[in-house]
Amino acid sequence: MKTRCVLLAGAVLLTHLSSASFAADEEIASVTGTITLDGLPIRHGRVFMFFDDQFIGAKMSKEGKFKLKRIPSGKYKVVIEGDGVPAKYHSDERSELIVNVEKGANVHDFVLHSK
């Protein structure tokens, strides 16, 4: 009887952990996009998405494309660094770029202007 209870408790725990992992995966998202400045792709840049006291970042390709994988869904402040990018986009305290990331695949393109 004692062995049966331990096995049953283990099966319940395993089922609970599997459900918790599945629920967490449902909130995972990816973000792709292109960033341009005055109509031209930003070369050798980086994009960061801030949430709470954490951030996630990625390098941009020479075509201005970026991809962030396996990020939690939510609302993010976006910071962009790169050649010629105005200072107002360099800091999470100054940037006014905000995106809402939903579970699954997201596309967010950013069209920046130097003035």
PDB file of N, CA and C in Angstrom:
ATOM      1  N   MET A   1       0.823  -1.190   0.000  1.00  0.00           N
ATOM      2  CA  MET A   1       0.000   0.000   0.000  1.00  0.00           C
ATOM      3  C   MET A   1       0.866   1.253   0.000  1.00  0.00           C
ATOM      4  N   LYS A   2       1.943   1.239   0.797  1.00  0.00           N
ATOM      5  CA  LYS A   2       2.826   2.389   0.890  1.00  0.00           C
ATOM      6  C   LYS A   2       3.489   2.660  -0.462  1.00  0.00           C
ATOM      7  N   THR A   3       3.927   1.610  -1.149  1.00  0.00           N
ATOM      8  CA  THR A   3       4.548   1.766  -2.461  1.00  0.00           C
ATOM      9  C   THR A   3       3.559   2.343  -3.461  1.00  0.00           C
ATOM     10  N   ARG A   4       2.321   1.897  -3.426  1.00  0.00           N
ATOM     11  CA  ARG A   4       1.302   2.378  -4.345  1.00  0.00           C
ATOM     12  C   ARG A   4       1.064   3.884  -4.126  1.00  0.00           C
ATOM     13  N   CYS A   5       1.040   4.340  -2.870  1.00  0.00           N
ATOM     14  CA  CYS A   5       0.841   5.762  -2.560  1.00  0.00           C
ATOM     15  C   CYS A   5       2.004   6.597  -3.080  1.00  0.00           C
ATOM     16  N   VAL A   6       3.224   6.093  -2.917  1.00  0.00           N
ATOM     17  CA  VAL A   6       4.407   6.815  -3.407  1.00  0.00           C
ATOM     18  C   VAL A   6       4.365   6.913  -4.930  1.00  0.00           C
ATOM     19  N   LEU A   7       4.024   5.816  -5.604  1.00  0.00           N
ATOM     20  CA  LEU A   7       3.932   5.840  -7.059  1.00  0.00           C
ATOM     21  C   LEU A   7       2.852   6.787  -7.539  1.00  0.00           C
ATOM     22  N   LEU A   8       1.712   6.777  -6.878  1.00  0.00           N
ATOM     23  CA  LEU A   8       0.611   7.659  -7.234  1.00  0.00           C
ATOM     24  C   LEU A   8       1.010   9.118  -7.025  1.00  0.00           C
ATOM     25  N   ALA A   9       1.666   9.412  -5.906  1.00  0.00           N
ATOM     26  CA  ALA A   9       2.113  10.783  -5.622  1.00  0.00           C
ATOM     27  C   ALA A   9       3.127  11.229  -6.671  1.00  0.00           C
ATOM     28  N   GLY A  10       4.031  10.329  -7.059  1.00  0.00           N
ATOM     29  CA  GLY A  10       5.012  10.653  -8.099  1.00  0.00           C
ATOM     30  C   GLY A  10       4.353  10.934  -9.434  1.00  0.00           C
ATOM     31  N   ALA A  11       3.344  10.148  -9.789  1.00  0.00           N
ATOM     32  CA  ALA A  11       2.635  10.350 -11.053  1.00  0.00           C
ATOM     33  C   ALA A  11       1.888  11.681 -11.051  1.00  0.00           C
ATOM     34  N   VAL A  12       1.267  12.017  -9.927  1.00  0.00           N
ATOM     35  CA  VAL A  12       0.556  13.302  -9.816  1.00  0.00           C
ATOM     36  C   VAL A  12       1.539  14.459  -9.930  1.00  0.00           C
ATOM     37  N   LEU A  13       2.689  14.352  -9.262  1.00  0.00           N
ATOM     38  CA  LEU A  13       3.705  15.394  -9.322  1.00  0.00           C
ATOM     39  C   LEU A  13       4.229  15.558 -10.744  1.00  0.00           C
ATOM     40  N   LEU A  14       4.519  14.480 -11.417  1.00  0.00           N
ATOM     41  CA  LEU A  14       5.013  14.523 -12.787  1.00  0.00           C
ATOM     42  C   LEU A  14       3.986  15.151 -13.717  1.00  0.00           C
ATOM     43  N   THR A  15       2.720  14.817 -13.562  1.00  0.00           N
ATOM     44  CA  THR A  15       1.655  15.402 -14.368  1.00  0.00           C
ATOM     45  C   THR A  15       1.561  16.898 -14.108  1.00  0.00           C
ATOM     46  N   HIS A  16       1.671  17.304 -12.860  1.00  0.00           N
ATOM     47  CA  HIS A  16       1.608  18.724 -12.499  1.00  0.00           C
ATOM     48  C   HIS A  16       2.778  19.485 -13.105  1.00  0.00           C
ATOM     49  N   LEU A  17       3.987  18.933 -13.001  1.00  0.00           N
ATOM     50  CA  LEU A  17       5.157  19.592 -13.564  1.00  0.00           C
ATOM     51  C   LEU A  17       5.051  19.703 -15.075  1.00  0.00           C
ATOM     52  N   SER A  18       4.556  18.682 -15.741  1.00  0.00           N
ATOM     53  CA  SER A  18       4.382  18.727 -17.195  1.00  0.00           C
ATOM     54  C   SER A  18       3.372  19.792 -17.573  1.00  0.00           C
ATOM     55  N   SER A  19       2.293  19.916 -16.829  1.00  0.00           N
ATOM     56  CA  SER A  19       1.283  20.941 -17.095  1.00  0.00           C
ATOM     57  C   SER A  19       1.857  22.320 -16.876  1.00  0.00           C
ATOM     58  N   ALA A  20       2.670  22.491 -15.825  1.00  0.00           N
ATOM     59  CA  ALA A  20       3.272  23.793 -15.543  1.00  0.00           C
ATOM     60  C   ALA A  20       4.233  24.186 -16.657  1.00  0.00           C
ATOM     61  N   SER A  21       5.027  23.231 -17.152  1.00  0.00           N
ATOM     62  CA  SER A  21       5.947  23.518 -18.244  1.00  0.00           C
ATOM     63  C   SER A  21       5.181  23.891 -19.495  1.00  0.00           C
ATOM     64  N   PHE A  22       4.104  23.194 -19.779  1.00  0.00           N
ATOM     65  CA  PHE A  22       3.300  23.486 -20.959  1.00  0.00           C
ATOM     66  C   PHE A  22       2.702  24.878 -20.854  1.00  0.00           C
ATOM     67  N   ALA A  23       2.189  25.245 -19.661  1.00  0.00           N
ATOM     68  CA  ALA A  23       1.597  26.567 -19.467  1.00  0.00           C
ATOM     69  C   ALA A  23       2.645  27.652 -19.658  1.00  0.00           C
ATOM     70  N   ALA A  24       3.858  27.416 -19.163  1.00  0.00           N
ATOM     71  CA  ALA A  24       4.915  28.406 -19.326  1.00  0.00           C
ATOM     72  C   ALA A  24       5.272  28.558 -20.798  1.00  0.00           C
ATOM     73  N   ASP A  25       5.325  27.468 -21.567  1.00  0.00           N
ATOM     74  CA  ASP A  25       5.654  27.538 -22.983  1.00  0.00           C
ATOM     75  C   ASP A  25       4.604  28.296 -23.775  1.00  0.00           C
ATOM     76  N   GLU A  26       3.359  28.283 -23.299  1.00  0.00           N
ATOM     77  CA  GLU A  26       2.302  28.996 -23.999  1.00  0.00           C
ATOM     78  C   GLU A  26       2.544  30.496 -24.005  1.00  0.00           C
ATOM     79  N   GLU A  27       3.320  31.015 -23.067  1.00  0.00           N
ATOM     80  CA  GLU A  27       3.575  32.443 -22.959  1.00  0.00           C
ATOM     81  C   GLU A  27       4.860  32.858 -23.678  1.00  0.00           C
ATOM     82  N   ILE A  28       5.559  31.917 -24.285  1.00  0.00           N
ATOM     83  CA  ILE A  28       6.822  32.216 -24.950  1.00  0.00           C
ATOM     84  C   ILE A  28       6.559  32.792 -26.343  1.00  0.00           C
ATOM     85  N   ALA A  29       7.372  33.789 -26.706  1.00  0.00           N
ATOM     86  CA  ALA A  29       7.192  34.472 -27.980  1.00  0.00           C
ATOM     87  C   ALA A  29       8.529  34.624 -28.686  1.00  0.00           C
ATOM     88  N   SER A  30       8.458  34.988 -29.953  1.00  0.00           N
ATOM     89  CA  SER A  30       9.634  35.390 -30.711  1.00  0.00           C
ATOM     90  C   SER A  30       9.293  36.706 -31.407  1.00  0.00           C
ATOM     91  N   VAL A  31      10.316  37.509 -31.624  1.00  0.00           N
ATOM     92  CA  VAL A  31      10.117  38.795 -32.290  1.00  0.00           C
ATOM     93  C   VAL A  31      11.147  38.925 -33.392  1.00  0.00           C
ATOM     94  N   THR A  32      10.699  39.231 -34.588  1.00  0.00           N
ATOM     95  CA  THR A  32      11.578  39.542 -35.706  1.00  0.00           C
ATOM     96  C   THR A  32      11.182  40.898 -36.250  1.00  0.00           C
ATOM     97  N   GLY A  33      12.084  41.505 -36.996  1.00  0.00           N
ATOM     98  CA  GLY A  33      11.756  42.788 -37.599  1.00  0.00           C
ATOM     99  C   GLY A  33      12.955  43.399 -38.289  1.00  0.00           C
ATOM    100  N   THR A  34      12.721  44.587 -38.822  1.00  0.00           N
ATOM    101  CA  THR A  34      13.755  45.355 -39.505  1.00  0.00           C
ATOM    102  C   THR A  34      13.758  46.755 -38.916  1.00  0.00           C
ATOM    103  N   ILE A  35      14.949  47.303 -38.765  1.00  0.00           N
ATOM    104  CA  ILE A  35      15.075  48.659 -38.239  1.00  0.00           C
ATOM    105  C   ILE A  35      15.781  49.521 -39.281  1.00  0.00           C
ATOM    106  N   THR A  36      15.123  50.616 -39.619  1.00  0.00           N
ATOM    107  CA  THR A  36      15.699  51.545 -40.592  1.00  0.00           C
ATOM    108  C   THR A  36      15.824  52.928 -39.962  1.00  0.00           C
ATOM    109  N   LEU A  37      16.778  53.685 -40.484  1.00  0.00           N
ATOM    110  CA  LEU A  37      16.981  55.071 -40.073  1.00  0.00           C
ATOM    111  C   LEU A  37      16.983  55.919 -41.331  1.00  0.00           C
ATOM    112  N   ASP A  38      16.026  56.827 -41.423  1.00  0.00           N
ATOM    113  CA  ASP A  38      15.866  57.673 -42.608  1.00  0.00           C
ATOM    114  C   ASP A  38      15.805  56.841 -43.889  1.00  0.00           C
ATOM    115  N   GLY A  39      15.108  55.708 -43.824  1.00  0.00           N
ATOM    116  CA  GLY A  39      14.883  54.859 -44.986  1.00  0.00           C
ATOM    117  C   GLY A  39      15.970  53.848 -45.291  1.00  0.00           C
ATOM    118  N   LEU A  40      17.059  53.858 -44.537  1.00  0.00           N
ATOM    119  CA  LEU A  40      18.164  52.916 -44.766  1.00  0.00           C
ATOM    120  C   LEU A  40      18.306  51.973 -43.569  1.00  0.00           C
ATOM    121  N   PRO A  41      18.659  50.706 -43.835  1.00  0.00           N
ATOM    122  CA  PRO A  41      18.830  49.769 -42.717  1.00  0.00           C
ATOM    123  C   PRO A  41      19.991  50.187 -41.822  1.00  0.00           C
ATOM    124  N   ILE A  42      19.824  49.973 -40.535  1.00  0.00           N
ATOM    125  CA  ILE A  42      20.906  50.254 -39.591  1.00  0.00           C
ATOM    126  C   ILE A  42      21.880  49.087 -39.633  1.00  0.00           C
ATOM    127  N   ARG A  43      23.116  49.392 -39.893  1.00  0.00           N
ATOM    128  CA  ARG A  43      24.156  48.354 -39.953  1.00  0.00           C
ATOM    129  C   ARG A  43      24.892  48.294 -38.617  1.00  0.00           C
ATOM    130  N   HIS A  44      25.283  47.128 -38.246  1.00  0.00           N
ATOM    131  CA  HIS A  44      26.081  46.927 -37.027  1.00  0.00           C
ATOM    132  C   HIS A  44      25.406  47.514 -35.799  1.00  0.00           C
ATOM    133  N   GLY A  45      24.129  47.320 -35.681  1.00  0.00           N
ATOM    134  CA  GLY A  45      23.393  47.831 -34.532  1.00  0.00           C
ATOM    135  C   GLY A  45      22.944  46.722 -33.613  1.00  0.00           C
ATOM    136  N   ARG A  46      22.308  47.142 -32.532  1.00  0.00           N
ATOM    137  CA  ARG A  46      21.741  46.205 -31.563  1.00  0.00           C
ATOM    138  C   ARG A  46      20.379  46.731 -31.132  1.00  0.00           C
ATOM    139  N   VAL A  47      19.490  45.794 -30.826  1.00  0.00           N
ATOM    140  CA  VAL A  47      18.175  46.131 -30.307  1.00  0.00           C
ATOM    141  C   VAL A  47      18.010  45.442 -28.960  1.00  0.00           C
ATOM    142  N   PHE A  48      17.428  46.169 -28.005  1.00  0.00           N
ATOM    143  CA  PHE A  48      17.185  45.635 -26.665  1.00  0.00           C
ATOM    144  C   PHE A  48      15.730  45.862 -26.311  1.00  0.00           C
ATOM    145  N   MET A  49      15.135  44.891 -25.644  1.00  0.00           N
ATOM    146  CA  MET A  49      13.773  45.026 -25.149  1.00  0.00           C
ATOM    147  C   MET A  49      13.818  44.878 -23.633  1.00  0.00           C
ATOM    148  N   PHE A  50      13.352  45.916 -22.938  1.00  0.00           N
ATOM    149  CA  PHE A  50      13.390  45.974 -21.481  1.00  0.00           C
ATOM    150  C   PHE A  50      12.033  45.645 -20.885  1.00  0.00           C
ATOM    151  N   PHE A  51      12.036  44.850 -19.814  1.00  0.00           N
ATOM    152  CA  PHE A  51      10.841  44.566 -19.038  1.00  0.00           C
ATOM    153  C   PHE A  51      11.267  44.393 -17.588  1.00  0.00           C
ATOM    154  N   ASP A  52      10.538  45.007 -16.691  1.00  0.00           N
ATOM    155  CA  ASP A  52      10.910  45.028 -15.276  1.00  0.00           C
ATOM    156  C   ASP A  52      12.348  45.511 -15.166  1.00  0.00           C
ATOM    157  N   ASP A  53      13.206  44.753 -14.493  1.00  0.00           N
ATOM    158  CA  ASP A  53      14.623  45.124 -14.368  1.00  0.00           C
ATOM    159  C   ASP A  53      15.508  44.248 -15.248  1.00  0.00           C
ATOM    160  N   GLN A  54      14.941  43.664 -16.290  1.00  0.00           N
ATOM    161  CA  GLN A  54      15.683  42.764 -17.170  1.00  0.00           C
ATOM    162  C   GLN A  54      15.591  43.250 -18.608  1.00  0.00           C
ATOM    163  N   PHE A  55      16.456  42.703 -19.452  1.00  0.00           N
ATOM    164  CA  PHE A  55      16.363  43.005 -20.867  1.00  0.00           C
ATOM    165  C   PHE A  55      16.829  41.823 -21.691  1.00  0.00           C
ATOM    166  N   ILE A  56      16.404  41.840 -22.941  1.00  0.00           N
ATOM    167  CA  ILE A  56      16.798  40.840 -23.923  1.00  0.00           C
ATOM    168  C   ILE A  56      17.297  41.603 -25.130  1.00  0.00           C
ATOM    169  N   GLY A  57      18.386  41.158 -25.728  1.00  0.00           N
ATOM    170  CA  GLY A  57      18.934  41.896 -26.858  1.00  0.00           C
ATOM    171  C   GLY A  57      19.398  41.000 -27.980  1.00  0.00           C
ATOM    172  N   ALA A  58      19.601  41.647 -29.132  1.00  0.00           N
ATOM    173  CA  ALA A  58      20.094  40.931 -30.310  1.00  0.00           C
ATOM    174  C   ALA A  58      20.855  41.899 -31.206  1.00  0.00           C
ATOM    175  N   LYS A  59      21.785  41.357 -31.959  1.00  0.00           N
ATOM    176  CA  LYS A  59      22.484  42.138 -32.971  1.00  0.00           C
ATOM    177  C   LYS A  59      21.626  42.199 -34.222  1.00  0.00           C
ATOM    178  N   MET A  60      21.819  43.262 -34.992  1.00  0.00           N
ATOM    179  CA  MET A  60      21.124  43.388 -36.273  1.00  0.00           C
ATOM    180  C   MET A  60      22.061  42.954 -37.395  1.00  0.00           C
ATOM    181  N   SER A  61      21.475  42.406 -38.440  1.00  0.00           N
ATOM    182  CA  SER A  61      22.254  42.058 -39.624  1.00  0.00           C
ATOM    183  C   SER A  61      22.565  43.344 -40.391  1.00  0.00           C
ATOM    184  N   LYS A  62      23.398  43.241 -41.406  1.00  0.00           N
ATOM    185  CA  LYS A  62      23.723  44.443 -42.191  1.00  0.00           C
ATOM    186  C   LYS A  62      22.508  44.958 -42.969  1.00  0.00           C
ATOM    187  N   GLU A  63      21.435  44.150 -43.022  1.00  0.00           N
ATOM    188  CA  GLU A  63      20.182  44.584 -43.645  1.00  0.00           C
ATOM    189  C   GLU A  63      19.235  45.208 -42.622  1.00  0.00           C
ATOM    190  N   GLY A  64      19.688  45.336 -41.368  1.00  0.00           N
ATOM    191  CA  GLY A  64      18.866  45.926 -40.318  1.00  0.00           C
ATOM    192  C   GLY A  64      17.871  44.964 -39.705  1.00  0.00           C
ATOM    193  N   LYS A  65      18.009  43.677 -39.963  1.00  0.00           N
ATOM    194  CA  LYS A  65      17.070  42.677 -39.438  1.00  0.00           C
ATOM    195  C   LYS A  65      17.551  42.155 -38.080  1.00  0.00           C
ATOM    196  N   PHE A  66      16.590  41.803 -37.230  1.00  0.00           N
ATOM    197  CA  PHE A  66      16.911  41.233 -35.928  1.00  0.00           C
ATOM    198  C   PHE A  66      15.925  40.115 -35.606  1.00  0.00           C
ATOM    199  N   LYS A  67      16.320  39.272 -34.655  1.00  0.00           N
ATOM    200  CA  LYS A  67      15.449  38.185 -34.215  1.00  0.00           C
ATOM    201  C   LYS A  67      15.723  37.897 -32.749  1.00  0.00           C
ATOM    202  N   LEU A  68      14.656  37.910 -31.972  1.00  0.00           N
ATOM    203  CA  LEU A  68      14.719  37.549 -30.561  1.00  0.00           C
ATOM    204  C   LEU A  68      13.870  36.303 -30.375  1.00  0.00           C
ATOM    205  N   LYS A  69      14.431  35.287 -29.743  1.00  0.00           N
ATOM    206  CA  LYS A  69      13.724  34.020 -29.562  1.00  0.00           C
ATOM    207  C   LYS A  69      13.439  33.766 -28.090  1.00  0.00           C
ATOM    208  N   ARG A  70      12.373  33.007 -27.862  1.00  0.00           N
ATOM    209  CA  ARG A  70      12.024  32.509 -26.531  1.00  0.00           C
ATOM    210  C   ARG A  70      12.000  33.616 -25.482  1.00  0.00           C
ATOM    211  N   ILE A  71      11.204  34.645 -25.745  1.00  0.00           N
ATOM    212  CA  ILE A  71      11.039  35.709 -24.771  1.00  0.00           C
ATOM    213  C   ILE A  71       9.625  35.643 -24.192  1.00  0.00           C
ATOM    214  N   PRO A  72       9.463  36.079 -22.970  1.00  0.00           N
ATOM    215  CA  PRO A  72       8.119  36.076 -22.378  1.00  0.00           C
ATOM    216  C   PRO A  72       7.219  37.094 -23.076  1.00  0.00           C
ATOM    217  N   SER A  73       5.954  36.787 -23.196  1.00  0.00           N
ATOM    218  CA  SER A  73       5.029  37.759 -23.761  1.00  0.00           C
ATOM    219  C   SER A  73       4.865  38.899 -22.763  1.00  0.00           C
ATOM    220  N   GLY A  74       4.529  40.086 -23.272  1.00  0.00           N
ATOM    221  CA  GLY A  74       4.353  41.240 -22.407  1.00  0.00           C
ATOM    222  C   GLY A  74       4.638  42.535 -23.132  1.00  0.00           C
ATOM    223  N   LYS A  75       4.685  43.608 -22.375  1.00  0.00           N
ATOM    224  CA  LYS A  75       4.926  44.948 -22.905  1.00  0.00           C
ATOM    225  C   LYS A  75       6.392  45.304 -22.686  1.00  0.00           C
ATOM    226  N   TYR A  76       7.059  45.773 -23.742  1.00  0.00           N
ATOM    227  CA  TYR A  76       8.491  46.052 -23.688  1.00  0.00           C
ATOM    228  C   TYR A  76       8.798  47.477 -24.137  1.00  0.00           C
ATOM    229  N   LYS A  77       9.771  48.093 -23.480  1.00  0.00           N
ATOM    230  CA  LYS A  77      10.355  49.332 -23.964  1.00  0.00           C
ATOM    231  C   LYS A  77      11.531  48.920 -24.838  1.00  0.00           C
ATOM    232  N   VAL A  78      11.673  49.557 -26.005  1.00  0.00           N
ATOM    233  CA  VAL A  78      12.691  49.166 -26.975  1.00  0.00           C
ATOM    234  C   VAL A  78      13.798  50.220 -27.035  1.00  0.00           C
ATOM    235  N   VAL A  79      15.034  49.743 -27.004  1.00  0.00           N
ATOM    236  CA  VAL A  79      16.221  50.593 -27.121  1.00  0.00           C
ATOM    237  C   VAL A  79      16.995  50.118 -28.338  1.00  0.00           C
ATOM    238  N   ILE A  80      17.445  51.076 -29.144  1.00  0.00           N
ATOM    239  CA  ILE A  80      18.173  50.746 -30.368  1.00  0.00           C
ATOM    240  C   ILE A  80      19.492  51.502 -30.383  1.00  0.00           C
ATOM    241  N   GLU A  81      20.562  50.783 -30.643  1.00  0.00           N
ATOM    242  CA  GLU A  81      21.895  51.365 -30.770  1.00  0.00           C
ATOM    243  C   GLU A  81      22.441  51.012 -32.135  1.00  0.00           C
ATOM    244  N   GLY A  82      23.202  51.913 -32.717  1.00  0.00           N
ATOM    245  CA  GLY A  82      23.814  51.627 -34.005  1.00  0.00           C
ATOM    246  C   GLY A  82      24.352  52.886 -34.650  1.00  0.00           C
ATOM    247  N   ASP A  83      25.011  52.715 -35.782  1.00  0.00           N
ATOM    248  CA  ASP A  83      25.615  53.826 -36.505  1.00  0.00           C
ATOM    249  C   ASP A  83      24.567  54.870 -36.870  1.00  0.00           C
ATOM    250  N   GLY A  84      24.750  56.082 -36.348  1.00  0.00           N
ATOM    251  CA  GLY A  84      23.874  57.185 -36.694  1.00  0.00           C
ATOM    252  C   GLY A  84      22.547  57.242 -35.953  1.00  0.00           C
ATOM    253  N   VAL A  85      22.255  56.281 -35.095  1.00  0.00           N
ATOM    254  CA  VAL A  85      20.983  56.271 -34.373  1.00  0.00           C
ATOM    255  C   VAL A  85      20.989  57.411 -33.347  1.00  0.00           C
ATOM    256  N   PRO A  86      19.967  58.272 -33.371  1.00  0.00           N
ATOM    257  CA  PRO A  86      19.896  59.383 -32.414  1.00  0.00           C
ATOM    258  C   PRO A  86      19.886  58.904 -30.965  1.00  0.00           C
ATOM    259  N   ALA A  87      20.447  59.724 -30.089  1.00  0.00           N
ATOM    260  CA  ALA A  87      20.585  59.384 -28.667  1.00  0.00           C
ATOM    261  C   ALA A  87      19.250  59.108 -27.999  1.00  0.00           C
ATOM    262  N   LYS A  88      18.160  59.656 -28.515  1.00  0.00           N
ATOM    263  CA  LYS A  88      16.863  59.442 -27.856  1.00  0.00           C
ATOM    264  C   LYS A  88      16.417  57.985 -27.890  1.00  0.00           C
ATOM    265  N   TYR A  89      17.041  57.154 -28.723  1.00  0.00           N
ATOM    266  CA  TYR A  89      16.709  55.724 -28.790  1.00  0.00           C
ATOM    267  C   TYR A  89      17.699  54.857 -28.021  1.00  0.00           C
ATOM    268  N   HIS A  90      18.768  55.449 -27.450  1.00  0.00           N
ATOM    269  CA  HIS A  90      19.852  54.688 -26.823  1.00  0.00           C
ATOM    270  C   HIS A  90      19.587  54.262 -25.394  1.00  0.00           C
ATOM    271  N   SER A  91      18.573  54.788 -24.742  1.00  0.00           N
ATOM    272  CA  SER A  91      18.371  54.547 -23.320  1.00  0.00           C
ATOM    273  C   SER A  91      16.934  54.145 -23.034  1.00  0.00           C
ATOM    274  N   ASP A  92      16.759  53.214 -22.121  1.00  0.00           N
ATOM    275  CA  ASP A  92      15.396  52.827 -21.752  1.00  0.00           C
ATOM    276  C   ASP A  92      14.696  53.950 -20.994  1.00  0.00           C
ATOM    277  N   GLU A  93      15.440  54.916 -20.493  1.00  0.00           N
ATOM    278  CA  GLU A  93      14.836  56.059 -19.813  1.00  0.00           C
ATOM    279  C   GLU A  93      14.317  57.103 -20.812  1.00  0.00           C
ATOM    280  N   ARG A  94      14.903  57.150 -22.022  1.00  0.00           N
ATOM    281  CA  ARG A  94      14.515  58.163 -23.002  1.00  0.00           C
ATOM    282  C   ARG A  94      13.695  57.623 -24.164  1.00  0.00           C
ATOM    283  N   SER A  95      13.894  56.385 -24.514  1.00  0.00           N
ATOM    284  CA  SER A  95      13.212  55.830 -25.683  1.00  0.00           C
ATOM    285  C   SER A  95      11.699  55.814 -25.474  1.00  0.00           C
ATOM    286  N   GLU A  96      10.982  56.220 -26.493  1.00  0.00           N
ATOM    287  CA  GLU A  96       9.519  56.194 -26.452  1.00  0.00           C
ATOM    288  C   GLU A  96       8.958  55.011 -27.237  1.00  0.00           C
ATOM    289  N   LEU A  97       9.857  54.107 -27.685  1.00  0.00           N
ATOM    290  CA  LEU A  97       9.429  52.937 -28.443  1.00  0.00           C
ATOM    291  C   LEU A  97       8.929  51.857 -27.482  1.00  0.00           C
ATOM    292  N   ILE A  98       7.678  51.476 -27.650  1.00  0.00           N
ATOM    293  CA  ILE A  98       7.079  50.447 -26.811  1.00  0.00           C
ATOM    294  C   ILE A  98       6.339  49.466 -27.709  1.00  0.00           C
ATOM    295  N   VAL A  99       6.513  48.171 -27.435  1.00  0.00           N
ATOM    296  CA  VAL A  99       5.805  47.148 -28.203  1.00  0.00           C
ATOM    297  C   VAL A  99       5.121  46.177 -27.259  1.00  0.00           C
ATOM    298  N   ASN A 100       4.041  45.623 -27.740  1.00  0.00           N
ATOM    299  CA  ASN A 100       3.337  44.565 -27.023  1.00  0.00           C
ATOM    300  C   ASN A 100       3.654  43.251 -27.734  1.00  0.00           C
ATOM    301  N   VAL A 101       4.252  42.323 -27.022  1.00  0.00           N
ATOM    302  CA  VAL A 101       4.642  41.036 -27.579  1.00  0.00           C
ATOM    303  C   VAL A 101       3.670  39.984 -27.080  1.00  0.00           C
ATOM    304  N   GLU A 102       3.038  39.298 -28.016  1.00  0.00           N
ATOM    305  CA  GLU A 102       2.095  38.244 -27.676  1.00  0.00           C
ATOM    306  C   GLU A 102       2.733  36.887 -27.925  1.00  0.00           C
ATOM    307  N   LYS A 103       2.189  35.856 -27.282  1.00  0.00           N
ATOM    308  CA  LYS A 103       2.758  34.515 -27.455  1.00  0.00           C
ATOM    309  C   LYS A 103       2.762  34.160 -28.933  1.00  0.00           C
ATOM    310  N   GLY A 104       3.759  33.387 -29.332  1.00  0.00           N
ATOM    311  CA  GLY A 104       3.901  33.010 -30.733  1.00  0.00           C
ATOM    312  C   GLY A 104       4.851  33.946 -31.454  1.00  0.00           C
ATOM    313  N   ALA A 105       4.718  34.011 -32.780  1.00  0.00           N
ATOM    314  CA  ALA A 105       5.603  34.825 -33.617  1.00  0.00           C
ATOM    315  C   ALA A 105       5.065  36.249 -33.732  1.00  0.00           C
ATOM    316  N   ASN A 106       5.942  37.214 -33.557  1.00  0.00           N
ATOM    317  CA  ASN A 106       5.611  38.630 -33.657  1.00  0.00           C
ATOM    318  C   ASN A 106       6.560  39.293 -34.639  1.00  0.00           C
ATOM    319  N   VAL A 107       6.064  40.273 -35.376  1.00  0.00           N
ATOM    320  CA  VAL A 107       6.901  41.076 -36.266  1.00  0.00           C
ATOM    321  C   VAL A 107       6.737  42.535 -35.861  1.00  0.00           C
ATOM    322  N   HIS A 108       7.855  43.168 -35.541  1.00  0.00           N
ATOM    323  CA  HIS A 108       7.856  44.594 -35.198  1.00  0.00           C
ATOM    324  C   HIS A 108       8.986  45.266 -35.970  1.00  0.00           C
ATOM    325  N   ASP A 109       8.615  46.111 -36.921  1.00  0.00           N
ATOM    326  CA  ASP A 109       9.585  46.902 -37.666  1.00  0.00           C
ATOM    327  C   ASP A 109       9.634  48.295 -37.047  1.00  0.00           C
ATOM    328  N   PHE A 110      10.819  48.886 -37.032  1.00  0.00           N
ATOM    329  CA  PHE A 110      10.986  50.226 -36.469  1.00  0.00           C
ATOM    330  C   PHE A 110      11.556  51.137 -37.546  1.00  0.00           C
ATOM    331  N   VAL A 111      10.839  52.221 -37.809  1.00  0.00           N
ATOM    332  CA  VAL A 111      11.253  53.219 -38.792  1.00  0.00           C
ATOM    333  C   VAL A 111      11.666  54.456 -38.001  1.00  0.00           C
ATOM    334  N   LEU A 112      12.964  54.674 -37.920  1.00  0.00           N
ATOM    335  CA  LEU A 112      13.506  55.787 -37.138  1.00  0.00           C
ATOM    336  C   LEU A 112      13.856  56.949 -38.062  1.00  0.00           C
ATOM    337  N   HIS A 113      13.857  58.147 -37.467  1.00  0.00           N
ATOM    338  CA  HIS A 113      14.234  59.366 -38.191  1.00  0.00           C
ATOM    339  C   HIS A 113      15.295  60.092 -37.388  1.00  0.00           C
ATOM    340  N   SER A 114      16.287  60.633 -38.069  1.00  0.00           N
ATOM    341  CA  SER A 114      17.386  61.288 -37.377  1.00  0.00           C
ATOM    342  C   SER A 114      16.985  62.641 -36.797  1.00  0.00           C
ATOM    343  N   LYS A 115      15.892  63.218 -37.248  1.00  0.00           N
ATOM    344  CA  LYS A 115      15.456  64.513 -36.702  1.00  0.00           C
ATOM    345  C   LYS A 115      14.175  64.389 -35.955  1.00  0.00           C
TER     346      LYS A 115
END
